[in-house]
Amino acid sequence: MNNDMLSSKSNKIWWSKVKSSFSSKYEPRQEAVIDLIKSSNLQTLLVDYFDASLEASNICESLLKGIHKTRSNHRFIKRVLKLSEQGDEQCHELLLQELASFASLSNPLLEIIDGTVDFRMIHENYSHLLRKLTSRKRKIKRREKFTRLYKKAAGYGFVITYAVFAIALLALAMHSMVGLLGAPALLLPLSKGVMKSVHGGGSLKTSFLKHLGSQLDVAARGIYTFINDFDTVGRLVTRLHDEVEHKRQVAKMCVRNGRNHEVIREALKDIQLHEHGFEEQMDELEEHIYLCFLTINRSRRLVLQEILAPLS
């Protein structure tokens, strides 16, 4: 039991540090990303990635506002439970007023689900972008492989051509003193040209394709993580939304049956029974949203690092 309490306490301390240090919604800042996009020939899909990650951050922000509003509304329920412990008639009237106030409030999570955030559409849009990123990455990988093989084949071709030409020059040199003296002078620049052809040209293109493939790979990994995170968050939001709706219906029933103390007592027992679980659900959803924020920012930084990395 003590270990559980210590673990819970340390978890709360860790999350308080995470939330207090969370000063910036987007890392890197979207303005910096836009400037980079304008100043470079960035892949359209990478632009789509940064747009999607910005949208993901905005969704997280909306969800956090919804949770904070839900916590604020829940203060009425806390006061109701506190008043129910006193049991006198005056407290009963105050209790009904608090329940009526809570029942009159809208469900903040319903407003988000119906208006701001469509988790099904998020899943479909991000899955579509993931398929495009993956397809493009595979095409670049094939081009990189083809370029590497072409470079190797071209190198072999130059070596064979050089060997044939060298043999021809040596054969000529055997029959001519001028050829014997001039052969080395002709072979030297030719050999340099062969080495330059073998080691140059294609290397730059291969490096560029590899660099671009790495950018798309990191972006695809980020989108894949976003999909999984929002699938989880969507389930948690739906669960918490249903719990809030249940409490609102119970509160309305209590207001309708305000003089029936037995009905009120049983309703409050139901609320009290689920109170701890409800607060845990709010904490769990909030933690997942902060984790989403951290994941989004980390993914954006990694993609930007790949874009700015020098060609190897």
C-alpha atoms as a PDB file:
ATOM      1  CA  MET A   1       0.000   0.000   0.000  1.00  0.00           C
ATOM      2  CA  ASN A   2       2.819   2.401   0.917  1.00  0.00           C
ATOM      3  CA  ASN A   3       4.572   1.590  -2.372  1.00  0.00           C
ATOM      4  CA  ASP A   4       1.385   2.416  -4.295  1.00  0.00           C
ATOM      5  CA  MET A   5       1.079   5.731  -2.459  1.00  0.00           C
ATOM      6  CA  LEU A   6       4.711   6.597  -3.164  1.00  0.00           C
ATOM      7  CA  SER A   7       4.297   5.638  -6.820  1.00  0.00           C
ATOM      8  CA  SER A   8       1.148   7.765  -7.119  1.00  0.00           C
ATOM      9  CA  LYS A   9       2.855  10.709  -5.425  1.00  0.00           C
ATOM     10  CA  SER A  10       5.944  10.506  -7.638  1.00  0.00           C
ATOM     11  CA  ASN A  11       3.711  10.253 -10.723  1.00  0.00           C
ATOM     12  CA  LYS A  12       1.850  13.425  -9.726  1.00  0.00           C
ATOM     13  CA  ILE A  13       5.127  15.254  -9.088  1.00  0.00           C
ATOM     14  CA  TRP A  14       6.440  14.174 -12.512  1.00  0.00           C
ATOM     15  CA  TRP A  15       3.278  15.337 -14.276  1.00  0.00           C
ATOM     16  CA  SER A  16       3.287  18.660 -12.450  1.00  0.00           C
ATOM     17  CA  LYS A  17       6.841  19.212 -13.717  1.00  0.00           C
ATOM     18  CA  VAL A  18       5.816  18.269 -17.264  1.00  0.00           C
ATOM     19  CA  LYS A  19       2.861  20.670 -17.232  1.00  0.00           C
ATOM     20  CA  SER A  20       4.772  23.524 -15.590  1.00  0.00           C
ATOM     21  CA  SER A  21       7.606  23.214 -18.134  1.00  0.00           C
ATOM     22  CA  PHE A  22       5.195  23.081 -21.061  1.00  0.00           C
ATOM     23  CA  SER A  23       5.578  26.666 -22.224  1.00  0.00           C
ATOM     24  CA  SER A  24       5.401  26.210 -25.997  1.00  0.00           C
ATOM     25  CA  LYS A  25       2.695  24.449 -27.980  1.00  0.00           C
ATOM     26  CA  TYR A  26       4.776  23.830 -31.053  1.00  0.00           C
ATOM     27  CA  GLU A  27       8.428  22.891 -31.286  1.00  0.00           C
ATOM     28  CA  PRO A  28       9.856  23.984 -33.612  1.00  0.00           C
ATOM     29  CA  ARG A  29       7.632  27.020 -33.955  1.00  0.00           C
ATOM     30  CA  GLN A  30       5.389  26.917 -37.005  1.00  0.00           C
ATOM     31  CA  GLU A  31       6.729  30.295 -38.141  1.00  0.00           C
ATOM     32  CA  ALA A  32      10.245  28.855 -38.373  1.00  0.00           C
ATOM     33  CA  VAL A  33       8.962  25.872 -40.340  1.00  0.00           C
ATOM     34  CA  ILE A  34       7.092  28.146 -42.762  1.00  0.00           C
ATOM     35  CA  ASP A  35      10.254  30.210 -43.320  1.00  0.00           C
ATOM     36  CA  LEU A  36      12.195  27.019 -44.037  1.00  0.00           C
ATOM     37  CA  ILE A  37       9.543  25.820 -46.485  1.00  0.00           C
ATOM     38  CA  LYS A  38       9.630  29.147 -48.355  1.00  0.00           C
ATOM     39  CA  SER A  39      13.429  29.178 -48.577  1.00  0.00           C
ATOM     40  CA  SER A  40      13.904  25.594 -49.769  1.00  0.00           C
ATOM     41  CA  ASN A  41      12.572  23.169 -52.341  1.00  0.00           C
ATOM     42  CA  LEU A  42      10.827  21.046 -49.711  1.00  0.00           C
ATOM     43  CA  GLN A  43       8.848  17.955 -50.650  1.00  0.00           C
ATOM     44  CA  THR A  44       5.090  18.638 -50.741  1.00  0.00           C
ATOM     45  CA  LEU A  45       4.480  15.629 -48.496  1.00  0.00           C
ATOM     46  CA  LEU A  46       6.778  17.088 -45.847  1.00  0.00           C
ATOM     47  CA  VAL A  47       4.757  20.305 -45.975  1.00  0.00           C
ATOM     48  CA  ASP A  48       1.642  18.140 -45.502  1.00  0.00           C
ATOM     49  CA  TYR A  49       3.340  16.491 -42.524  1.00  0.00           C
ATOM     50  CA  PHE A  50       4.002  19.820 -40.798  1.00  0.00           C
ATOM     51  CA  ASP A  51       0.412  20.910 -41.484  1.00  0.00           C
ATOM     52  CA  ALA A  52      -0.861  17.646 -39.970  1.00  0.00           C
ATOM     53  CA  SER A  53       1.358  17.988 -36.899  1.00  0.00           C
ATOM     54  CA  LEU A  54       0.136  21.566 -36.400  1.00  0.00           C
ATOM     55  CA  GLU A  55      -3.445  20.321 -36.653  1.00  0.00           C
ATOM     56  CA  ALA A  56      -2.646  17.597 -34.099  1.00  0.00           C
ATOM     57  CA  SER A  57      -1.317  20.224 -31.678  1.00  0.00           C
ATOM     58  CA  ASN A  58      -4.464  22.316 -32.123  1.00  0.00           C
ATOM     59  CA  ILE A  59      -6.610  19.249 -31.418  1.00  0.00           C
ATOM     60  CA  CYS A  60      -4.676  18.573 -28.216  1.00  0.00           C
ATOM     61  CA  GLU A  61      -5.154  22.187 -27.174  1.00  0.00           C
ATOM     62  CA  SER A  62      -8.927  21.943 -27.725  1.00  0.00           C
ATOM     63  CA  LEU A  63      -9.083  18.707 -25.743  1.00  0.00           C
ATOM     64  CA  LEU A  64      -7.154  20.223 -22.842  1.00  0.00           C
ATOM     65  CA  LYS A  65      -9.593  23.133 -22.733  1.00  0.00           C
ATOM     66  CA  GLY A  66     -12.439  20.605 -22.676  1.00  0.00           C
ATOM     67  CA  ILE A  67     -10.890  18.728 -19.758  1.00  0.00           C
ATOM     68  CA  HIS A  68     -10.261  21.929 -17.800  1.00  0.00           C
ATOM     69  CA  LYS A  69     -13.890  22.947 -18.368  1.00  0.00           C
ATOM     70  CA  THR A  70     -15.041  19.481 -17.260  1.00  0.00           C
ATOM     71  CA  ARG A  71     -12.996  19.811 -14.055  1.00  0.00           C
ATOM     72  CA  SER A  72     -14.466  23.257 -13.459  1.00  0.00           C
ATOM     73  CA  ASN A  73     -18.027  21.947 -13.892  1.00  0.00           C
ATOM     74  CA  HIS A  74     -17.287  19.021 -11.612  1.00  0.00           C
ATOM     75  CA  ARG A  75     -16.825  21.349  -8.644  1.00  0.00           C
ATOM     76  CA  PHE A  76     -20.648  21.357  -8.320  1.00  0.00           C
ATOM     77  CA  ILE A  77     -20.625  17.589  -7.788  1.00  0.00           C
ATOM     78  CA  LYS A  78     -17.879  17.888  -5.175  1.00  0.00           C
ATOM     79  CA  ARG A  79     -19.949  20.441  -3.268  1.00  0.00           C
ATOM     80  CA  VAL A  80     -23.021  18.203  -3.549  1.00  0.00           C
ATOM     81  CA  LEU A  81     -21.164  15.265  -2.019  1.00  0.00           C
ATOM     82  CA  LYS A  82     -19.844  17.472   0.766  1.00  0.00           C
ATOM     83  CA  LEU A  83     -23.312  18.837   1.531  1.00  0.00           C
ATOM     84  CA  SER A  84     -24.801  15.334   1.529  1.00  0.00           C
ATOM     85  CA  GLU A  85     -22.644  14.450   4.530  1.00  0.00           C
ATOM     86  CA  GLN A  86     -24.419  17.037   6.725  1.00  0.00           C
ATOM     87  CA  GLY A  87     -27.954  15.760   6.189  1.00  0.00           C
ATOM     88  CA  ASP A  88     -30.079  18.713   7.431  1.00  0.00           C
ATOM     89  CA  GLU A  89     -32.913  20.279   5.445  1.00  0.00           C
ATOM     90  CA  GLN A  90     -31.084  23.516   4.730  1.00  0.00           C
ATOM     91  CA  CYS A  91     -28.167  21.575   3.228  1.00  0.00           C
ATOM     92  CA  HIS A  92     -30.666  19.527   1.231  1.00  0.00           C
ATOM     93  CA  GLU A  93     -31.959  22.699  -0.455  1.00  0.00           C
ATOM     94  CA  LEU A  94     -28.433  23.877  -1.207  1.00  0.00           C
ATOM     95  CA  LEU A  95     -27.631  20.421  -2.524  1.00  0.00           C
ATOM     96  CA  LEU A  96     -30.538  20.585  -4.980  1.00  0.00           C
ATOM     97  CA  GLN A  97     -29.411  24.021  -6.146  1.00  0.00           C
ATOM     98  CA  GLU A  98     -25.918  22.717  -6.863  1.00  0.00           C
ATOM     99  CA  LEU A  99     -27.339  19.717  -8.740  1.00  0.00           C
ATOM    100  CA  ALA A 100     -29.603  22.013 -10.780  1.00  0.00           C
ATOM    101  CA  SER A 101     -26.612  24.210 -11.641  1.00  0.00           C
ATOM    102  CA  PHE A 102     -24.595  21.181 -12.753  1.00  0.00           C
ATOM    103  CA  ALA A 103     -27.484  19.731 -14.796  1.00  0.00           C
ATOM    104  CA  SER A 104     -27.931  23.046 -16.620  1.00  0.00           C
ATOM    105  CA  LEU A 105     -24.333  23.054 -17.837  1.00  0.00           C
ATOM    106  CA  SER A 106     -23.505  21.580 -21.229  1.00  0.00           C
ATOM    107  CA  ASN A 107     -21.060  18.707 -21.560  1.00  0.00           C
ATOM    108  CA  PRO A 108     -17.743  20.281 -22.682  1.00  0.00           C
ATOM    109  CA  LEU A 109     -16.643  17.016 -24.282  1.00  0.00           C
ATOM    110  CA  LEU A 110     -19.874  16.792 -26.286  1.00  0.00           C
ATOM    111  CA  GLU A 111     -19.115  20.215 -27.769  1.00  0.00           C
ATOM    112  CA  ILE A 112     -15.661  18.974 -28.800  1.00  0.00           C
ATOM    113  CA  ILE A 113     -16.860  15.680 -30.301  1.00  0.00           C
ATOM    114  CA  ASP A 114     -19.755  17.284 -32.200  1.00  0.00           C
ATOM    115  CA  GLY A 115     -17.955  20.417 -33.330  1.00  0.00           C
ATOM    116  CA  THR A 116     -14.185  20.612 -33.038  1.00  0.00           C
ATOM    117  CA  VAL A 117     -12.768  17.096 -33.227  1.00  0.00           C
ATOM    118  CA  ASP A 118     -13.864  14.175 -35.411  1.00  0.00           C
ATOM    119  CA  PHE A 119     -11.651  11.261 -34.371  1.00  0.00           C
ATOM    120  CA  ARG A 120     -12.845   9.043 -37.217  1.00  0.00           C
ATOM    121  CA  MET A 121     -11.913  11.708 -39.769  1.00  0.00           C
ATOM    122  CA  ILE A 122      -8.569  12.269 -38.048  1.00  0.00           C
ATOM    123  CA  HIS A 123      -7.798   8.557 -38.348  1.00  0.00           C
ATOM    124  CA  GLU A 124      -8.756   8.496 -42.043  1.00  0.00           C
ATOM    125  CA  ASN A 125      -6.830  11.661 -42.973  1.00  0.00           C
ATOM    126  CA  TYR A 126      -3.661  10.670 -41.141  1.00  0.00           C
ATOM    127  CA  SER A 127      -3.827   7.119 -42.494  1.00  0.00           C
ATOM    128  CA  HIS A 128      -4.086   8.550 -46.020  1.00  0.00           C
ATOM    129  CA  LEU A 129      -1.050  10.772 -45.421  1.00  0.00           C
ATOM    130  CA  LEU A 130       0.863   7.823 -43.964  1.00  0.00           C
ATOM    131  CA  ARG A 131       0.174   5.756 -47.093  1.00  0.00           C
ATOM    132  CA  LYS A 132       1.399   8.614 -49.304  1.00  0.00           C
ATOM    133  CA  LEU A 133       4.570   9.079 -47.246  1.00  0.00           C
ATOM    134  CA  THR A 134       5.278   5.340 -47.258  1.00  0.00           C
ATOM    135  CA  SER A 135       4.650   5.037 -51.010  1.00  0.00           C
ATOM    136  CA  ARG A 136       6.887   8.003 -51.789  1.00  0.00           C
ATOM    137  CA  LYS A 137       9.615   6.655 -49.514  1.00  0.00           C
ATOM    138  CA  ARG A 138       9.554   3.295 -51.323  1.00  0.00           C
ATOM    139  CA  LYS A 139       9.826   4.988 -54.724  1.00  0.00           C
ATOM    140  CA  ILE A 140      12.827   7.009 -53.557  1.00  0.00           C
ATOM    141  CA  LYS A 141      14.391   3.864 -52.119  1.00  0.00           C
ATOM    142  CA  ARG A 142      14.029   2.149 -55.493  1.00  0.00           C
ATOM    143  CA  ARG A 143      15.531   5.160 -57.295  1.00  0.00           C
ATOM    144  CA  GLU A 144      18.417   5.233 -54.841  1.00  0.00           C
ATOM    145  CA  LYS A 145      19.073   1.527 -55.428  1.00  0.00           C
ATOM    146  CA  PHE A 146      18.857   1.960 -59.212  1.00  0.00           C
ATOM    147  CA  THR A 147      21.248   4.944 -59.103  1.00  0.00           C
ATOM    148  CA  ARG A 148      23.716   2.963 -57.014  1.00  0.00           C
ATOM    149  CA  LEU A 149      23.588  -0.019 -59.396  1.00  0.00           C
ATOM    150  CA  TYR A 150      23.830   2.259 -62.436  1.00  0.00           C
ATOM    151  CA  LYS A 151      26.854   3.976 -60.933  1.00  0.00           C
ATOM    152  CA  LYS A 152      28.502   0.624 -60.287  1.00  0.00           C
ATOM    153  CA  ALA A 153      27.731  -0.653 -63.800  1.00  0.00           C
ATOM    154  CA  ALA A 154      28.981   2.598 -65.328  1.00  0.00           C
ATOM    155  CA  GLY A 155      32.170   2.272 -63.327  1.00  0.00           C
ATOM    156  CA  TYR A 156      32.756  -1.230 -64.661  1.00  0.00           C
ATOM    157  CA  GLY A 157      32.081   0.037 -68.190  1.00  0.00           C
ATOM    158  CA  PHE A 158      34.627   2.842 -67.862  1.00  0.00           C
ATOM    159  CA  VAL A 159      37.219   0.448 -66.463  1.00  0.00           C
ATOM    160  CA  ILE A 160      36.723  -1.948 -69.389  1.00  0.00           C
ATOM    161  CA  THR A 161      36.887   0.926 -71.889  1.00  0.00           C
ATOM    162  CA  TYR A 162      40.047   2.217 -70.241  1.00  0.00           C
ATOM    163  CA  ALA A 163      41.624  -1.253 -70.337  1.00  0.00           C
ATOM    164  CA  VAL A 164      40.822  -1.694 -74.047  1.00  0.00           C
ATOM    165  CA  PHE A 165      42.156   1.753 -74.856  1.00  0.00           C
ATOM    166  CA  ALA A 166      45.307   1.118 -72.816  1.00  0.00           C
ATOM    167  CA  ILE A 167      45.950  -2.154 -74.643  1.00  0.00           C
ATOM    168  CA  ALA A 168      45.465  -0.404 -77.983  1.00  0.00           C
ATOM    169  CA  LEU A 169      47.955   2.292 -77.001  1.00  0.00           C
ATOM    170  CA  LEU A 170      50.489  -0.277 -75.840  1.00  0.00           C
ATOM    171  CA  ALA A 171      50.086  -2.150 -79.108  1.00  0.00           C
ATOM    172  CA  LEU A 172      50.676   1.096 -80.972  1.00  0.00           C
ATOM    173  CA  ALA A 173      53.656   1.868 -78.766  1.00  0.00           C
ATOM    174  CA  MET A 174      55.271  -1.422 -79.706  1.00  0.00           C
ATOM    175  CA  HIS A 175      55.392  -0.248 -83.314  1.00  0.00           C
ATOM    176  CA  SER A 176      56.331   3.371 -82.816  1.00  0.00           C
ATOM    177  CA  MET A 177      58.863   5.263 -80.727  1.00  0.00           C
ATOM    178  CA  VAL A 178      56.503   8.281 -80.628  1.00  0.00           C
ATOM    179  CA  GLY A 179      53.687   6.061 -79.373  1.00  0.00           C
ATOM    180  CA  LEU A 180      55.959   4.652 -76.677  1.00  0.00           C
ATOM    181  CA  LEU A 181      56.817   8.140 -75.433  1.00  0.00           C
ATOM    182  CA  GLY A 182      53.259   9.529 -75.741  1.00  0.00           C
ATOM    183  CA  ALA A 183      51.279   6.605 -74.280  1.00  0.00           C
ATOM    184  CA  PRO A 184      51.788   7.550 -70.581  1.00  0.00           C
ATOM    185  CA  ALA A 185      50.755  11.156 -71.282  1.00  0.00           C
ATOM    186  CA  LEU A 186      47.532   9.945 -72.896  1.00  0.00           C
ATOM    187  CA  LEU A 187      46.783   7.325 -70.253  1.00  0.00           C
ATOM    188  CA  LEU A 188      47.182   9.655 -67.255  1.00  0.00           C
ATOM    189  CA  PRO A 189      44.301  12.098 -67.982  1.00  0.00           C
ATOM    190  CA  LEU A 190      42.144   9.222 -69.174  1.00  0.00           C
ATOM    191  CA  SER A 191      42.670   7.362 -65.895  1.00  0.00           C
ATOM    192  CA  LYS A 192      41.775  10.507 -63.951  1.00  0.00           C
ATOM    193  CA  GLY A 193      38.595  10.874 -65.994  1.00  0.00           C
ATOM    194  CA  VAL A 194      37.652   7.258 -65.302  1.00  0.00           C
ATOM    195  CA  MET A 195      38.160   7.668 -61.539  1.00  0.00           C
ATOM    196  CA  LYS A 196      36.171  10.892 -61.540  1.00  0.00           C
ATOM    197  CA  SER A 197      33.308   9.224 -63.401  1.00  0.00           C
ATOM    198  CA  VAL A 198      33.328   6.229 -61.056  1.00  0.00           C
ATOM    199  CA  HIS A 199      33.468   8.196 -57.789  1.00  0.00           C
ATOM    200  CA  GLY A 200      31.732  11.446 -58.747  1.00  0.00           C
ATOM    201  CA  GLY A 201      28.367  12.419 -60.218  1.00  0.00           C
ATOM    202  CA  GLY A 202      26.216   9.563 -59.014  1.00  0.00           C
ATOM    203  CA  SER A 203      27.430   9.894 -55.406  1.00  0.00           C
ATOM    204  CA  LEU A 204      25.769  13.282 -55.019  1.00  0.00           C
ATOM    205  CA  LYS A 205      22.472  12.018 -56.428  1.00  0.00           C
ATOM    206  CA  THR A 206      22.569   8.892 -54.240  1.00  0.00           C
ATOM    207  CA  SER A 207      23.253  11.006 -51.140  1.00  0.00           C
ATOM    208  CA  PHE A 208      20.387  13.349 -51.996  1.00  0.00           C
ATOM    209  CA  LEU A 209      17.932  10.464 -52.442  1.00  0.00           C
ATOM    210  CA  LYS A 210      19.085   8.839 -49.220  1.00  0.00           C
ATOM    211  CA  HIS A 211      18.686  12.154 -47.407  1.00  0.00           C
ATOM    212  CA  LEU A 212      15.179  12.667 -48.790  1.00  0.00           C
ATOM    213  CA  GLY A 213      14.219   9.086 -47.936  1.00  0.00           C
ATOM    214  CA  SER A 214      15.319   9.637 -44.325  1.00  0.00           C
ATOM    215  CA  GLN A 215      13.148  12.754 -44.081  1.00  0.00           C
ATOM    216  CA  LEU A 216      10.082  10.899 -45.347  1.00  0.00           C
ATOM    217  CA  ASP A 217      10.814   7.932 -43.078  1.00  0.00           C
ATOM    218  CA  VAL A 218      10.924  10.081 -39.929  1.00  0.00           C
ATOM    219  CA  ALA A 219       7.763  11.931 -41.012  1.00  0.00           C
ATOM    220  CA  ALA A 220       5.948   8.619 -41.647  1.00  0.00           C
ATOM    221  CA  ARG A 221       6.957   7.320 -38.211  1.00  0.00           C
ATOM    222  CA  GLY A 222       5.590  10.503 -36.663  1.00  0.00           C
ATOM    223  CA  ILE A 223       2.234  10.226 -38.448  1.00  0.00           C
ATOM    224  CA  TYR A 224       1.975   6.542 -37.455  1.00  0.00           C
ATOM    225  CA  THR A 225       2.437   7.546 -33.813  1.00  0.00           C
ATOM    226  CA  PHE A 226      -0.159  10.325 -34.146  1.00  0.00           C
ATOM    227  CA  ILE A 227      -2.703   7.800 -35.444  1.00  0.00           C
ATOM    228  CA  ASN A 228      -2.196   5.438 -32.508  1.00  0.00           C
ATOM    229  CA  ASP A 229      -2.185   8.269 -29.960  1.00  0.00           C
ATOM    230  CA  PHE A 230      -5.414   9.813 -31.231  1.00  0.00           C
ATOM    231  CA  ASP A 231      -7.120   6.421 -31.436  1.00  0.00           C
ATOM    232  CA  THR A 232      -6.368   6.007 -27.715  1.00  0.00           C
ATOM    233  CA  VAL A 233      -7.353   9.579 -26.857  1.00  0.00           C
ATOM    234  CA  GLY A 234     -10.589   9.190 -28.832  1.00  0.00           C
ATOM    235  CA  ARG A 235     -11.591   6.158 -26.747  1.00  0.00           C
ATOM    236  CA  LEU A 236     -10.754   7.984 -23.505  1.00  0.00           C
ATOM    237  CA  VAL A 237     -12.716  11.083 -24.563  1.00  0.00           C
ATOM    238  CA  THR A 238     -15.767   8.964 -25.442  1.00  0.00           C
ATOM    239  CA  ARG A 239     -15.598   7.134 -22.108  1.00  0.00           C
ATOM    240  CA  LEU A 240     -15.298  10.361 -20.108  1.00  0.00           C
ATOM    241  CA  HIS A 241     -18.046  12.005 -22.176  1.00  0.00           C
ATOM    242  CA  ASP A 242     -20.419   9.131 -21.357  1.00  0.00           C
ATOM    243  CA  GLU A 243     -19.587   9.425 -17.657  1.00  0.00           C
ATOM    244  CA  VAL A 244     -20.314  13.169 -17.654  1.00  0.00           C
ATOM    245  CA  GLU A 245     -23.628  12.552 -19.429  1.00  0.00           C
ATOM    246  CA  HIS A 246     -24.526   9.916 -16.827  1.00  0.00           C
ATOM    247  CA  LYS A 247     -23.861  12.386 -13.990  1.00  0.00           C
ATOM    248  CA  ARG A 248     -25.935  15.055 -15.733  1.00  0.00           C
ATOM    249  CA  GLN A 249     -28.878  12.655 -16.091  1.00  0.00           C
ATOM    250  CA  VAL A 250     -28.621  11.651 -12.428  1.00  0.00           C
ATOM    251  CA  ALA A 251     -28.517  15.326 -11.424  1.00  0.00           C
ATOM    252  CA  LYS A 252     -31.641  16.065 -13.507  1.00  0.00           C
ATOM    253  CA  MET A 253     -33.450  13.126 -11.917  1.00  0.00           C
ATOM    254  CA  CYS A 254     -32.568  14.442  -8.444  1.00  0.00           C
ATOM    255  CA  VAL A 255     -33.902  17.900  -9.303  1.00  0.00           C
ATOM    256  CA  ARG A 256     -37.172  16.390 -10.606  1.00  0.00           C
ATOM    257  CA  ASN A 257     -37.557  14.303  -7.425  1.00  0.00           C
ATOM    258  CA  GLY A 258     -36.267  16.948  -5.034  1.00  0.00           C
ATOM    259  CA  ARG A 259     -38.679  16.080  -2.206  1.00  0.00           C
ATOM    260  CA  ASN A 260     -38.085  12.349  -2.402  1.00  0.00           C
ATOM    261  CA  HIS A 261     -35.158  11.962  -0.021  1.00  0.00           C
ATOM    262  CA  GLU A 262     -34.842   8.248  -0.731  1.00  0.00           C
ATOM    263  CA  VAL A 263     -34.365   8.845  -4.471  1.00  0.00           C
ATOM    264  CA  ILE A 264     -31.815  11.574  -3.754  1.00  0.00           C
ATOM    265  CA  ARG A 265     -29.922   9.338  -1.336  1.00  0.00           C
ATOM    266  CA  GLU A 266     -29.672   6.467  -3.841  1.00  0.00           C
ATOM    267  CA  ALA A 267     -28.645   8.822  -6.636  1.00  0.00           C
ATOM    268  CA  LEU A 268     -25.882  10.321  -4.509  1.00  0.00           C
ATOM    269  CA  LYS A 269     -24.671   6.829  -3.635  1.00  0.00           C
ATOM    270  CA  ASP A 270     -24.336   6.149  -7.368  1.00  0.00           C
ATOM    271  CA  ILE A 271     -22.375   9.380  -7.879  1.00  0.00           C
ATOM    272  CA  GLN A 272     -20.143   8.687  -4.885  1.00  0.00           C
ATOM    273  CA  LEU A 273     -19.498   5.131  -6.089  1.00  0.00           C
ATOM    274  CA  HIS A 274     -18.071   6.362  -9.395  1.00  0.00           C
ATOM    275  CA  GLU A 275     -16.419   9.530  -8.097  1.00  0.00           C
ATOM    276  CA  HIS A 276     -12.884   8.182  -7.708  1.00  0.00           C
ATOM    277  CA  GLY A 277     -13.014   6.415 -11.080  1.00  0.00           C
ATOM    278  CA  PHE A 278     -14.272   9.591 -12.749  1.00  0.00           C
ATOM    279  CA  GLU A 279     -11.354  11.653 -11.459  1.00  0.00           C
ATOM    280  CA  GLU A 280      -8.937   8.930 -12.555  1.00  0.00           C
ATOM    281  CA  GLN A 281     -10.449   9.048 -16.052  1.00  0.00           C
ATOM    282  CA  MET A 282      -9.914  12.815 -16.223  1.00  0.00           C
ATOM    283  CA  ASP A 283      -6.309  12.424 -15.057  1.00  0.00           C
ATOM    284  CA  GLU A 284      -5.643   9.610 -17.532  1.00  0.00           C
ATOM    285  CA  LEU A 285      -7.037  11.585 -20.471  1.00  0.00           C
ATOM    286  CA  GLU A 286      -5.102  14.697 -19.498  1.00  0.00           C
ATOM    287  CA  GLU A 287      -1.861  12.719 -19.218  1.00  0.00           C
ATOM    288  CA  HIS A 288      -2.388  11.142 -22.639  1.00  0.00           C
ATOM    289  CA  ILE A 289      -2.972  14.553 -24.199  1.00  0.00           C
ATOM    290  CA  TYR A 290       0.228  15.944 -22.690  1.00  0.00           C
ATOM    291  CA  LEU A 291       2.045  12.858 -23.971  1.00  0.00           C
ATOM    292  CA  CYS A 292       0.588  13.578 -27.417  1.00  0.00           C
ATOM    293  CA  PHE A 293       1.925  17.134 -27.208  1.00  0.00           C
ATOM    294  CA  LEU A 294       5.391  15.854 -26.300  1.00  0.00           C
ATOM    295  CA  THR A 295       5.290  13.237 -29.077  1.00  0.00           C
ATOM    296  CA  ILE A 296       4.203  15.799 -31.673  1.00  0.00           C
ATOM    297  CA  ASN A 297       6.954  18.240 -30.726  1.00  0.00           C
ATOM    298  CA  ARG A 298       9.587  15.513 -30.668  1.00  0.00           C
ATOM    299  CA  SER A 299       8.506  14.278 -34.109  1.00  0.00           C
ATOM    300  CA  ARG A 300       8.582  17.808 -35.556  1.00  0.00           C
ATOM    301  CA  ARG A 301      12.094  18.353 -34.199  1.00  0.00           C
ATOM    302  CA  LEU A 302      13.326  15.051 -35.658  1.00  0.00           C
ATOM    303  CA  VAL A 303      11.918  15.813 -39.115  1.00  0.00           C
ATOM    304  CA  LEU A 304      13.448  19.287 -39.052  1.00  0.00           C
ATOM    305  CA  GLN A 305      16.805  17.816 -38.006  1.00  0.00           C
ATOM    306  CA  GLU A 306      16.686  15.459 -40.993  1.00  0.00           C
ATOM    307  CA  ILE A 307      15.878  18.342 -43.341  1.00  0.00           C
ATOM    308  CA  LEU A 308      18.755  20.464 -42.024  1.00  0.00           C
ATOM    309  CA  ALA A 309      21.248  17.585 -41.833  1.00  0.00           C
ATOM    310  CA  PRO A 310      24.128  17.864 -44.353  1.00  0.00           C
ATOM    311  CA  LEU A 311      24.324  15.394 -47.236  1.00  0.00           C
ATOM    312  CA  SER A 312      26.549  12.474 -46.289  1.00  0.00           C
END
